[in-house]
Protein backbone atom coordinates (compact mmCIF):
# COMPACT_ATOMS: atom_id res chain seq x y z
CA UNK A 1 233.70 10.49 210.97
CA UNK A 2 230.82 12.34 209.29
CA UNK A 3 230.98 15.00 206.50
CA UNK A 4 233.14 17.95 207.30
CA UNK A 5 235.27 16.04 209.83
CA UNK A 6 232.54 15.89 212.57
CA UNK A 7 232.71 12.93 214.79
CA UNK A 8 229.48 11.01 214.36
CA UNK A 9 227.37 10.52 217.54
CA UNK A 10 226.57 7.10 218.98
CA UNK A 11 223.12 7.24 217.40
CA UNK A 12 224.19 8.18 214.14
CA UNK A 13 226.57 5.24 214.09
CA UNK A 14 223.91 2.64 214.65
CA UNK A 15 223.61 2.73 210.62
CA UNK A 16 227.26 1.26 210.58
CA UNK A 17 227.57 -2.62 210.47
CA UNK A 18 230.61 -2.31 212.93
CA UNK A 19 228.38 -0.76 215.66
CA UNK A 20 225.83 -3.31 215.49
CA UNK A 21 228.19 -6.12 215.53
CA UNK A 22 230.06 -4.65 218.32
CA UNK A 23 226.76 -4.35 220.45
CA UNK A 24 225.81 -7.84 219.82
CA UNK A 25 229.25 -9.08 221.05
CA UNK A 26 229.03 -6.83 224.06
CA UNK A 27 225.64 -8.33 224.75
CA UNK A 28 226.89 -11.95 224.67
CA UNK A 29 230.15 -10.96 226.77
CA UNK A 30 227.80 -9.61 229.50
CA UNK A 31 225.69 -12.74 229.54
CA UNK A 32 228.99 -14.77 229.76
CA UNK A 33 230.13 -12.74 232.74
CA UNK A 34 226.57 -13.22 234.30
CA UNK A 35 226.97 -16.81 233.96
CA UNK A 36 230.37 -17.07 235.54
CA UNK A 37 228.75 -15.20 238.57
CA UNK A 38 225.90 -17.55 238.97
CA UNK A 39 226.18 -21.02 239.93
CA UNK A 40 229.62 -22.77 240.10
CA UNK A 41 227.68 -26.25 238.90
CA UNK A 42 226.58 -27.12 235.44
CA UNK A 43 223.06 -26.52 234.83
CA UNK A 44 220.57 -28.94 232.97
CA UNK A 45 221.48 -27.74 229.72
CA UNK A 46 225.32 -27.50 230.24
CA UNK A 47 225.93 -30.84 232.11
CA UNK A 48 224.97 -33.19 229.11
CA UNK A 49 227.87 -31.52 227.19
CA UNK A 50 230.27 -32.07 229.89
CA UNK A 51 229.15 -35.73 229.88
CA UNK A 52 229.22 -36.23 226.39
CA UNK A 53 232.33 -34.35 225.84
CA UNK A 54 234.31 -37.09 227.29
CA UNK A 55 235.07 -38.43 223.79
CA UNK A 56 234.51 -37.96 220.05
CA UNK A 57 231.83 -40.41 218.60
CA UNK A 58 230.02 -40.18 215.57
CA UNK A 59 226.75 -40.47 217.31
CA UNK A 60 225.80 -40.29 221.22
CA UNK A 61 222.15 -40.68 221.56
CA UNK A 62 219.71 -42.36 219.19
CA UNK A 63 218.18 -39.95 216.78
CA UNK A 64 220.02 -36.90 218.19
CA UNK A 65 222.44 -35.46 215.58
CA UNK A 66 225.78 -34.67 217.29
CA UNK A 67 227.08 -31.23 216.20
CA UNK A 68 226.63 -29.84 219.65
CA UNK A 69 228.41 -32.65 221.26
CA UNK A 70 231.22 -32.44 218.86
CA UNK A 71 231.60 -28.60 219.58
CA UNK A 72 231.60 -29.48 223.30
CA UNK A 73 234.00 -32.17 222.99
CA UNK A 74 236.47 -29.86 220.94
CA UNK A 75 236.13 -27.03 223.70
CA UNK A 76 236.66 -29.49 226.48
CA UNK A 77 239.51 -30.87 224.78
CA UNK A 78 241.14 -27.62 224.06
CA UNK A 79 240.56 -26.24 227.69
CA UNK A 80 241.19 -29.42 229.69
CA UNK A 81 237.75 -29.80 230.71
CA UNK A 82 237.06 -26.23 231.93
CA UNK A 83 233.45 -25.31 232.54
CA UNK A 84 234.18 -21.86 231.32
CA UNK A 85 234.69 -23.43 227.97
CA UNK A 86 231.07 -24.35 228.04
CA UNK A 87 229.86 -20.92 229.22
CA UNK A 88 231.87 -19.40 226.57
CA UNK A 89 230.75 -21.68 223.68
CA UNK A 90 227.04 -21.01 224.50
CA UNK A 91 227.57 -17.24 223.98
CA UNK A 92 229.93 -17.64 221.10
CA UNK A 93 227.36 -19.69 219.35
CA UNK A 94 224.58 -17.20 220.24
CA UNK A 95 226.91 -14.31 219.02
CA UNK A 96 227.48 -16.01 215.76
CA UNK A 97 223.78 -16.55 215.33
CA UNK A 98 222.94 -12.91 216.06
CA UNK A 99 225.58 -11.66 213.58
CA UNK A 100 224.19 -14.13 210.99
CA UNK A 101 220.76 -12.87 211.51
CA UNK A 102 221.98 -9.15 211.33
CA UNK A 103 223.50 -9.94 207.84
CA UNK A 104 220.21 -11.71 206.83
CA UNK A 105 218.51 -8.47 207.75
CA UNK A 106 220.92 -6.29 205.76
CA UNK A 107 220.40 -8.71 202.69
CA UNK A 108 216.56 -8.31 202.92
CA UNK A 109 216.21 -4.75 204.13
CA UNK A 110 219.15 -3.28 202.57
CA UNK A 111 219.56 -0.93 205.40
CA UNK A 112 222.15 -1.70 208.26
CA UNK A 113 220.07 0.40 210.78
CA UNK A 114 216.88 -1.48 210.32
CA UNK A 115 218.76 -4.82 210.28
CA UNK A 116 220.31 -3.90 213.65
CA UNK A 117 216.77 -3.13 215.01
CA UNK A 118 215.50 -6.54 213.58
CA UNK A 119 218.29 -8.17 215.43
CA UNK A 120 217.77 -6.17 218.59
CA UNK A 121 214.23 -7.24 218.38
CA UNK A 122 215.39 -10.79 219.21
CA UNK A 123 217.17 -9.43 222.31
CA UNK A 124 213.89 -8.30 223.73
CA UNK A 125 211.93 -11.39 223.17
CA UNK A 126 211.42 -14.28 225.58
CA UNK A 127 212.21 -16.84 223.00
CA UNK A 128 215.71 -15.64 222.12
CA UNK A 129 216.66 -12.98 224.75
CA UNK A 130 215.70 -15.04 227.74
CA UNK A 131 215.15 -18.74 226.80
CA UNK A 132 218.34 -19.31 225.10
CA UNK A 133 220.28 -18.32 228.14
CA UNK A 134 218.39 -20.97 230.13
CA UNK A 135 217.68 -23.66 227.57
CA UNK A 136 219.74 -26.61 226.37
CA UNK A 137 222.72 -26.00 224.44
CA UNK A 138 221.28 -27.86 221.60
CA UNK A 139 218.56 -25.36 221.46
CA UNK A 140 221.14 -22.56 221.16
CA UNK A 141 222.78 -24.18 218.31
CA UNK A 142 219.53 -24.90 216.65
CA UNK A 143 218.58 -21.16 216.89
CA UNK A 144 222.15 -20.27 215.61
CA UNK A 145 221.88 -22.66 212.50
CA UNK A 146 218.41 -21.20 211.65
CA UNK A 147 219.89 -17.66 211.84
CA UNK A 148 222.74 -18.76 209.57
CA UNK A 149 220.40 -20.58 207.15
CA UNK A 150 218.26 -17.27 206.89
CA UNK A 151 221.52 -15.44 206.10
CA UNK A 152 222.82 -18.12 203.56
CA UNK A 153 219.34 -18.40 201.84
CA UNK A 154 218.61 -14.51 201.62
CA UNK A 155 222.35 -14.00 200.49
CA UNK A 156 221.88 -16.58 197.80
CA UNK A 157 218.69 -14.98 196.38
CA UNK A 158 220.13 -11.56 196.65
CA UNK A 159 223.75 -11.99 195.02
CA UNK A 160 223.11 -15.25 193.08
CA UNK A 161 226.82 -16.16 193.30
CA UNK A 162 228.00 -19.81 193.16
CA UNK A 163 229.83 -19.26 196.39
CA UNK A 164 226.60 -18.10 198.16
CA UNK A 165 224.90 -21.47 197.14
CA UNK A 166 228.07 -23.37 198.56
CA UNK A 167 227.56 -21.37 201.91
CA UNK A 168 223.79 -22.31 201.69
CA UNK A 169 224.67 -25.98 201.29
CA UNK A 170 227.15 -25.86 204.33
CA UNK A 171 224.46 -24.08 206.53
CA UNK A 172 221.94 -26.72 205.70
CA UNK A 173 224.15 -29.64 206.32
CA UNK A 174 225.44 -28.15 209.70
CA UNK A 175 221.95 -27.42 210.37
CA UNK A 176 220.83 -31.01 210.06
CA UNK A 177 223.56 -32.02 212.13
CA UNK A 178 222.43 -29.77 215.03
CA UNK A 179 218.87 -30.97 215.04
CA UNK A 180 216.23 -32.84 212.92
CA UNK A 181 213.89 -29.77 213.87
CA UNK A 182 216.19 -27.53 211.67
CA UNK A 183 214.82 -29.08 208.64
CA UNK A 184 211.35 -27.36 209.16
CA UNK A 185 212.94 -23.99 208.09
CA UNK A 186 214.41 -25.12 204.67
CA UNK A 187 211.15 -26.99 203.82
CA UNK A 188 209.15 -23.99 204.66
CA UNK A 189 211.40 -21.45 202.94
CA UNK A 190 211.55 -23.87 199.80
CA UNK A 191 207.81 -23.88 199.83
CA UNK A 192 207.39 -20.11 200.24
CA UNK A 193 209.73 -19.69 197.27
CA UNK A 194 207.19 -21.58 195.04
CA UNK A 195 204.68 -18.99 196.02
CA UNK A 196 206.99 -15.87 195.59
CA UNK A 197 207.60 -15.51 191.65
CA UNK A 198 209.96 -12.62 192.00
CA UNK A 199 212.34 -14.44 194.23
CA UNK A 200 211.89 -17.77 192.50
CA UNK A 201 212.98 -16.32 189.34
CA UNK A 202 216.38 -15.63 190.93
CA UNK A 203 217.18 -19.29 191.56
CA UNK A 204 220.17 -20.81 189.70
CA UNK A 205 219.62 -24.39 189.22
CA UNK A 206 223.27 -25.54 188.87
CA UNK A 207 224.64 -23.84 192.09
CA UNK A 208 221.58 -25.09 193.82
CA UNK A 209 222.60 -28.63 192.96
CA UNK A 210 226.01 -27.94 194.31
CA UNK A 211 224.47 -26.66 197.38
CA UNK A 212 222.66 -29.97 197.65
CA UNK A 213 225.98 -31.89 197.13
CA UNK A 214 227.73 -29.76 199.83
CA UNK A 215 225.09 -30.48 202.46
CA UNK A 216 225.10 -34.40 201.62
CA UNK A 217 228.98 -34.40 201.84
CA UNK A 218 228.51 -32.70 205.38
CA UNK A 219 225.83 -35.07 206.69
CA UNK A 220 226.91 -38.48 205.00
CA UNK A 221 229.56 -39.47 207.46
CA UNK A 222 227.09 -39.17 210.33
CA UNK A 223 224.39 -41.24 208.71
CA UNK A 224 226.98 -43.67 207.55
CA UNK A 225 228.72 -44.48 210.83
CA UNK A 226 226.43 -43.35 213.63
CA UNK A 227 224.36 -46.23 215.01
CA UNK A 228 220.55 -45.34 215.38
CA UNK A 229 221.09 -42.17 213.53
CA UNK A 230 217.68 -41.98 212.18
CA UNK A 231 215.89 -43.38 215.10
CA UNK A 232 213.05 -40.95 216.02
CA UNK A 233 211.07 -42.42 218.77
CA UNK A 234 207.36 -41.17 219.51
CA UNK A 235 206.47 -39.89 222.83
CA UNK A 236 203.28 -40.24 224.97
CA UNK A 237 202.35 -36.99 225.89
CA UNK A 238 198.36 -36.34 225.39
CA UNK A 239 197.69 -34.68 222.22
CA UNK A 240 195.77 -31.67 223.96
CA UNK A 241 198.69 -31.19 226.23
CA UNK A 242 201.29 -31.07 223.55
CA UNK A 243 198.96 -28.59 221.40
CA UNK A 244 198.57 -26.36 224.51
CA UNK A 245 202.32 -26.28 224.99
CA UNK A 246 203.13 -25.54 221.34
CA UNK A 247 200.47 -22.73 221.40
CA UNK A 248 201.76 -21.20 224.45
CA UNK A 249 205.57 -21.51 223.34
CA UNK A 250 204.45 -19.69 220.01
CA UNK A 251 202.46 -17.00 221.76
CA UNK A 252 205.45 -16.25 224.21
CA UNK A 253 208.22 -16.26 221.65
CA UNK A 254 208.24 -12.68 220.56
CA UNK A 255 206.92 -11.07 223.84
CA UNK A 256 207.52 -8.31 224.85
CA UNK A 257 209.30 -7.05 221.65
CA UNK A 258 206.12 -7.61 219.65
CA UNK A 259 204.12 -5.40 221.90
CA UNK A 260 206.67 -2.60 221.65
CA UNK A 261 206.77 -2.99 217.89
CA UNK A 262 202.96 -2.71 217.73
CA UNK A 263 202.85 0.35 219.78
CA UNK A 264 205.85 2.13 218.51
CA UNK A 265 205.44 1.24 214.73
CA UNK A 266 201.79 1.77 214.42
CA UNK A 267 201.69 2.21 210.81
CA UNK A 268 203.74 -0.81 210.10
CA UNK A 269 201.31 -2.77 212.53
CA UNK A 270 198.15 -1.56 210.54
CA UNK A 271 197.03 -2.88 207.26
CA UNK A 272 199.34 -1.92 204.38
CA UNK A 273 197.95 -1.39 200.93
CA UNK A 274 199.35 -3.37 198.33
CA UNK A 275 201.56 -5.16 200.89
CA UNK A 276 201.54 -8.43 198.96
CA UNK A 277 203.65 -6.77 196.22
CA UNK A 278 206.54 -6.80 198.57
CA UNK A 279 208.29 -10.06 197.72
CA UNK A 280 210.29 -10.39 200.85
CA UNK A 281 207.18 -9.67 203.09
CA UNK A 282 205.35 -12.39 201.00
CA UNK A 283 208.13 -14.81 201.23
CA UNK A 284 208.54 -14.65 205.17
CA UNK A 285 204.66 -14.72 205.73
CA UNK A 286 204.13 -17.85 203.77
CA UNK A 287 207.25 -19.43 205.21
CA UNK A 288 206.20 -18.84 208.72
CA UNK A 289 202.61 -20.18 207.93
CA UNK A 290 203.95 -23.29 206.52
CA UNK A 291 206.45 -23.85 209.16
CA UNK A 292 203.66 -23.53 211.77
CA UNK A 293 201.38 -25.81 209.98
CA UNK A 294 204.31 -28.33 209.59
CA UNK A 295 205.12 -28.05 213.42
CA UNK A 296 201.65 -28.53 214.45
CA UNK A 297 201.56 -31.94 212.44
CA UNK A 298 204.96 -33.06 213.71
CA UNK A 299 204.37 -32.18 217.36
CA UNK A 300 201.06 -33.89 217.36
CA UNK A 301 202.43 -37.08 215.67
CA UNK A 302 205.81 -37.18 217.83
CA UNK A 303 204.15 -36.00 221.16
CA UNK A 304 207.54 -35.03 222.72
CA UNK A 305 207.74 -33.38 225.95
CA UNK A 306 209.42 -30.10 225.03
CA UNK A 307 207.75 -27.88 222.33
CA UNK A 308 210.07 -24.96 222.84
CA UNK A 309 212.71 -26.09 220.14
CA UNK A 310 209.94 -26.12 217.37
CA UNK A 311 209.35 -22.37 217.48
CA UNK A 312 212.76 -21.35 216.37
CA UNK A 313 212.30 -22.36 212.71
CA UNK A 314 208.81 -20.98 212.75
CA UNK A 315 209.30 -17.60 214.25
CA UNK A 316 212.98 -16.50 213.68
CA UNK A 317 212.00 -14.98 210.54
CA UNK A 318 209.37 -12.86 212.27
CA UNK A 319 211.74 -9.65 212.82
CA UNK A 320 212.63 -9.57 209.32
CA UNK A 321 209.03 -9.64 208.09
CA UNK A 322 208.07 -6.91 210.67
CA UNK A 323 210.83 -4.68 209.66
CA UNK A 324 210.13 -4.94 206.16
CA UNK A 325 206.73 -3.81 206.83
CA UNK A 326 208.17 -0.85 208.70
CA UNK A 327 210.45 0.07 205.70
CA UNK A 328 207.40 0.07 203.50
CA UNK A 329 204.95 1.80 205.70
CA UNK A 330 207.10 4.14 207.55
CA UNK A 331 209.75 5.12 205.06
CA UNK A 332 212.86 6.56 206.63
CA UNK A 333 210.99 8.68 208.96
CA UNK A 334 211.42 6.52 211.98
CA UNK A 335 214.26 8.16 213.95
CA UNK A 336 212.24 9.03 217.01
CA UNK A 337 210.46 5.52 216.97
CA UNK A 338 213.80 3.87 216.52
CA UNK A 339 215.26 5.62 219.55
CA UNK A 340 212.09 4.57 221.68
CA UNK A 341 212.48 1.08 220.39
CA UNK A 342 216.25 1.04 221.24
CA UNK A 343 215.51 2.32 224.91
CA UNK A 344 212.91 -0.44 225.28
CA UNK A 345 215.26 -3.13 224.06
CA UNK A 346 217.94 -1.97 226.51
CA UNK A 347 215.44 -1.96 229.31
CA UNK A 348 214.53 -5.52 228.58
CA UNK A 349 218.04 -6.47 228.54
CA UNK A 350 218.85 -4.81 231.89
CA UNK A 351 215.66 -6.30 233.43
CA UNK A 352 216.59 -9.76 232.03
CA UNK A 353 220.02 -9.79 233.58
CA UNK A 354 218.82 -8.59 236.90
CA UNK A 355 215.94 -11.24 236.95
CA UNK A 356 218.55 -13.85 236.05
CA UNK A 357 220.58 -12.92 238.91
CA UNK A 358 217.72 -12.59 241.35
CA UNK A 359 216.22 -15.88 240.53
CA UNK A 360 219.37 -17.76 241.17
CA UNK A 361 219.93 -16.07 244.54
CA UNK A 362 216.37 -16.60 245.74
CA UNK A 363 215.05 -19.97 244.41
CA UNK A 364 217.08 -22.59 246.18
CA UNK A 365 214.50 -22.96 248.78
CA UNK A 366 211.76 -24.13 246.35
CA UNK A 367 213.94 -25.63 243.27
CA UNK A 368 212.37 -28.92 241.99
CA UNK A 369 215.47 -30.15 240.64
CA UNK A 370 218.36 -28.59 242.22
CA UNK A 371 221.43 -29.11 240.07
CA UNK A 372 222.47 -25.51 240.06
CA UNK A 373 222.45 -25.66 244.06
CA UNK A 374 224.16 -28.88 244.72
CA UNK A 375 227.05 -28.57 247.03
CA UNK A 376 229.23 -30.57 244.77
CA UNK A 377 232.58 -30.19 246.76
CA UNK A 378 230.94 -31.53 249.87
CA UNK A 379 229.58 -34.49 247.90
CA UNK A 380 232.91 -35.22 246.21
CA UNK A 381 234.92 -34.98 249.25
CA UNK A 382 232.63 -37.58 250.93
CA UNK A 383 233.00 -39.93 247.86
CA UNK A 384 236.77 -39.50 248.09
CA UNK A 385 236.83 -40.02 251.90
CA UNK A 386 234.82 -43.31 251.29
CA UNK A 387 237.55 -44.69 249.04
CA UNK A 388 236.69 -43.52 245.51
CA UNK A 389 239.51 -41.79 243.95
CA UNK A 390 239.29 -42.56 239.99
CA UNK A 391 237.63 -45.20 237.83
CA UNK A 392 233.96 -45.21 236.62
CA UNK A 393 231.08 -43.23 238.11
CA UNK A 394 227.58 -44.38 237.12
CA UNK A 395 224.95 -41.48 237.67
CA UNK A 396 221.40 -41.68 237.70
CA UNK A 397 220.86 -38.75 235.05
CA UNK A 398 222.92 -36.50 232.80
CA UNK A 399 222.73 -33.54 235.08
CA UNK A 400 224.26 -35.34 237.97
CA UNK A 401 226.74 -37.05 235.72
CA UNK A 402 227.95 -33.95 234.26
CA UNK A 403 228.61 -32.30 237.56
CA UNK A 404 230.31 -35.50 238.83
CA UNK A 405 232.59 -35.51 235.74
CA UNK A 406 233.37 -31.76 236.65
CA UNK A 407 234.37 -32.66 240.25
CA UNK A 408 236.27 -35.97 239.04
CA UNK A 409 237.80 -34.94 235.75
CA UNK A 410 239.95 -38.09 235.62
CA UNK A 411 237.12 -40.46 236.00
CA UNK A 412 234.85 -41.87 233.39
CA UNK A 413 231.37 -40.88 234.06
CA UNK A 414 228.45 -43.08 232.57
CA UNK A 415 224.53 -42.83 232.62
CA UNK A 416 221.49 -44.88 231.36
CA UNK A 417 220.66 -41.84 229.01
CA UNK A 418 222.91 -43.22 226.41
CA UNK A 419 224.91 -46.38 225.32
CA UNK A 420 228.00 -47.27 227.37
CA UNK A 421 230.32 -47.00 224.26
CA UNK A 422 230.00 -43.34 223.86
CA UNK A 423 231.47 -42.52 227.29
CA UNK A 424 235.15 -43.07 226.19
CA UNK A 425 237.64 -45.83 227.13
CA UNK A 426 237.59 -47.27 230.69
CA UNK A 427 239.54 -45.78 233.54
CA UNK A 428 241.15 -48.21 235.85
CA UNK A 429 239.71 -47.92 239.39
CA UNK A 430 236.47 -48.41 241.59
CA UNK A 431 233.04 -48.14 240.31
CA UNK A 432 230.85 -45.45 242.14
CA UNK A 433 227.14 -45.47 241.74
CA UNK A 434 225.51 -42.25 242.65
CA UNK A 435 221.89 -41.07 242.79
CA UNK A 436 219.96 -38.29 244.55
CA UNK A 437 216.97 -38.44 246.81
CA UNK A 438 215.75 -39.74 250.17
CA UNK A 439 215.66 -43.35 248.98
CA UNK A 440 218.83 -45.34 249.80
CA UNK A 441 217.87 -48.14 247.12
CA UNK A 442 219.40 -47.58 243.82
CA UNK A 443 216.70 -46.55 241.19
CA UNK A 444 215.48 -49.40 238.96
CA UNK A 445 216.67 -47.65 235.82
CA UNK A 446 220.04 -47.15 237.21
CA UNK A 447 220.38 -50.52 238.77
CA UNK A 448 219.34 -52.31 235.59
CA UNK A 449 221.72 -50.25 233.62
CA UNK A 450 224.84 -51.22 235.82
CA UNK A 451 223.92 -54.85 236.22
CA UNK A 452 222.98 -55.57 232.55
CA UNK A 453 225.71 -53.31 230.90
CA UNK A 454 228.55 -54.24 233.15
CA UNK A 455 227.43 -57.56 234.66
CA UNK A 456 228.10 -56.69 238.17
CA UNK A 457 226.00 -57.54 241.29
CA UNK A 458 225.05 -54.50 243.38
CA UNK A 459 225.21 -56.72 246.26
CA UNK A 460 228.98 -57.09 245.97
CA UNK A 461 229.85 -53.63 247.49
CA UNK A 462 232.76 -52.18 249.20
CA UNK A 463 230.92 -49.18 250.77
CA UNK A 464 227.41 -47.78 250.66
CA UNK A 465 226.34 -44.54 252.44
CA UNK A 466 224.80 -41.09 251.86
CA UNK A 467 225.80 -37.50 252.30
CA UNK A 468 223.47 -34.58 253.12
CA UNK A 469 224.46 -30.98 252.80
CA UNK A 470 222.91 -27.49 252.56
CA UNK A 471 222.06 -26.25 249.11
CA UNK A 472 224.20 -23.27 247.82
CA UNK A 473 222.64 -19.87 248.57
CA UNK A 474 220.29 -21.47 251.02
CA UNK A 475 220.61 -21.69 254.79
CA UNK A 476 218.15 -24.32 255.63
CA UNK A 477 217.18 -26.55 252.69
CA UNK A 478 219.31 -29.56 252.60
CA UNK A 479 219.91 -32.30 249.63
CA UNK A 480 220.98 -35.80 250.08
CA UNK A 481 223.13 -38.14 247.65
CA UNK A 482 223.32 -41.63 248.12
CA UNK A 483 226.26 -43.95 246.77
CA UNK A 484 227.63 -47.26 246.84
CA UNK A 485 231.27 -48.21 245.79
CA UNK A 486 231.98 -51.50 244.01
CA UNK A 487 235.02 -53.50 243.62
CA UNK A 488 237.96 -52.16 241.49
CA UNK A 489 237.36 -52.99 237.74
CA UNK A 490 233.76 -53.75 238.21
CA UNK A 491 232.67 -51.23 235.43
CA UNK A 492 235.66 -51.13 233.32
CA UNK A 493 234.44 -52.99 230.37
CA UNK A 494 230.71 -53.24 229.23
CA UNK A 495 229.41 -56.64 228.07
CA UNK A 496 229.56 -57.03 224.41
């Protein structure tokens, strides 16, 4: 209620934290509902979590921190392997990240309304408002931990309480367990702090050491017990290709929200006299610059196939920087502009949801890797009719393996993507080998994995065949799955 007992309008309540948080929760809930209405299969970002969620391990893949796999394992264990648990987990993580980012905005901007608009900026951006709903769940967790780190870092610098440094240490440790890419953000913000005297003076040395101890305690068990925890393999992507992909990813991250900001907040987008005197603006500007240089070096060195995760520790601070500029340049006279920006964000969200539904309904005829469209019940029924009921399933890749685990919850599913020991204890029964495509010969990678890991001879098969069926949402396009069934117990125990 406002002064005089008058009920606040919806727009007036935008300045209240509970309204912003409620809108962010509603946003995630709508996307959860959209995911439920889409494919009944697991997509390429969800299937690996179903696969690795079969058991709890200290590590799963060499050089891949396991926090996302641990969370997926816990969600699947609590839900008896429900795919809805993975759908919900993605949105819960995203919601936590957005709320953490909003809290960081309040610490930096001192204004709940501007903090809300800085967070809504992400909802209208390609990198967060679109890509995170399609990307791997590891990327969602990475973005969330970057948001939580920004909140913990800004809170420690603002309030300077020991508990804030403990939270900072926890965010850093959990962030490292989410992805090694996360370390770019603490490195960049620490370097930026060195060049921002006003903020550097707020540091407290003893609580900072406490934060470091907390972070070490969190990550120590993983590095102590996980095999290949620090393995960081280099790829073979051409340097110019990797550089091109990185530049494109950076350019697309904030579109179209950045265009809306530039048009609507013209005074903030223009040169601001004495802007360097604003400590937070200087801090974020330097942090983003250092993070970008760091990413450039690392990407060119490692030459991996996906540059998108690198953009989150670089550009997630951008909305905080932009609305700090708006606060300095525009003051409090932005009500009309704020309304226009809110409408633009809402339009982007609605269009994004519509395009998401339209793409699923219309793309089966030209999909390259069609995991979302596989007629898994038809495939599973064929495998059962051929004689496989339970046991071990060896699949050619993680997307297929995760969907087979969903279809055969009592089976153990393995894949060449990780060591055999991470898939849990053996399940007595036959050994089903599955791969997609028109070639009825077992792919060399899958063949070598099965023969070398379990010591079986693929010639000693009880059944071999294939099944072809029409893709979901399509009337004409068909996809084929090939399989062979080995004798009972053939894949129960890997070689030591």
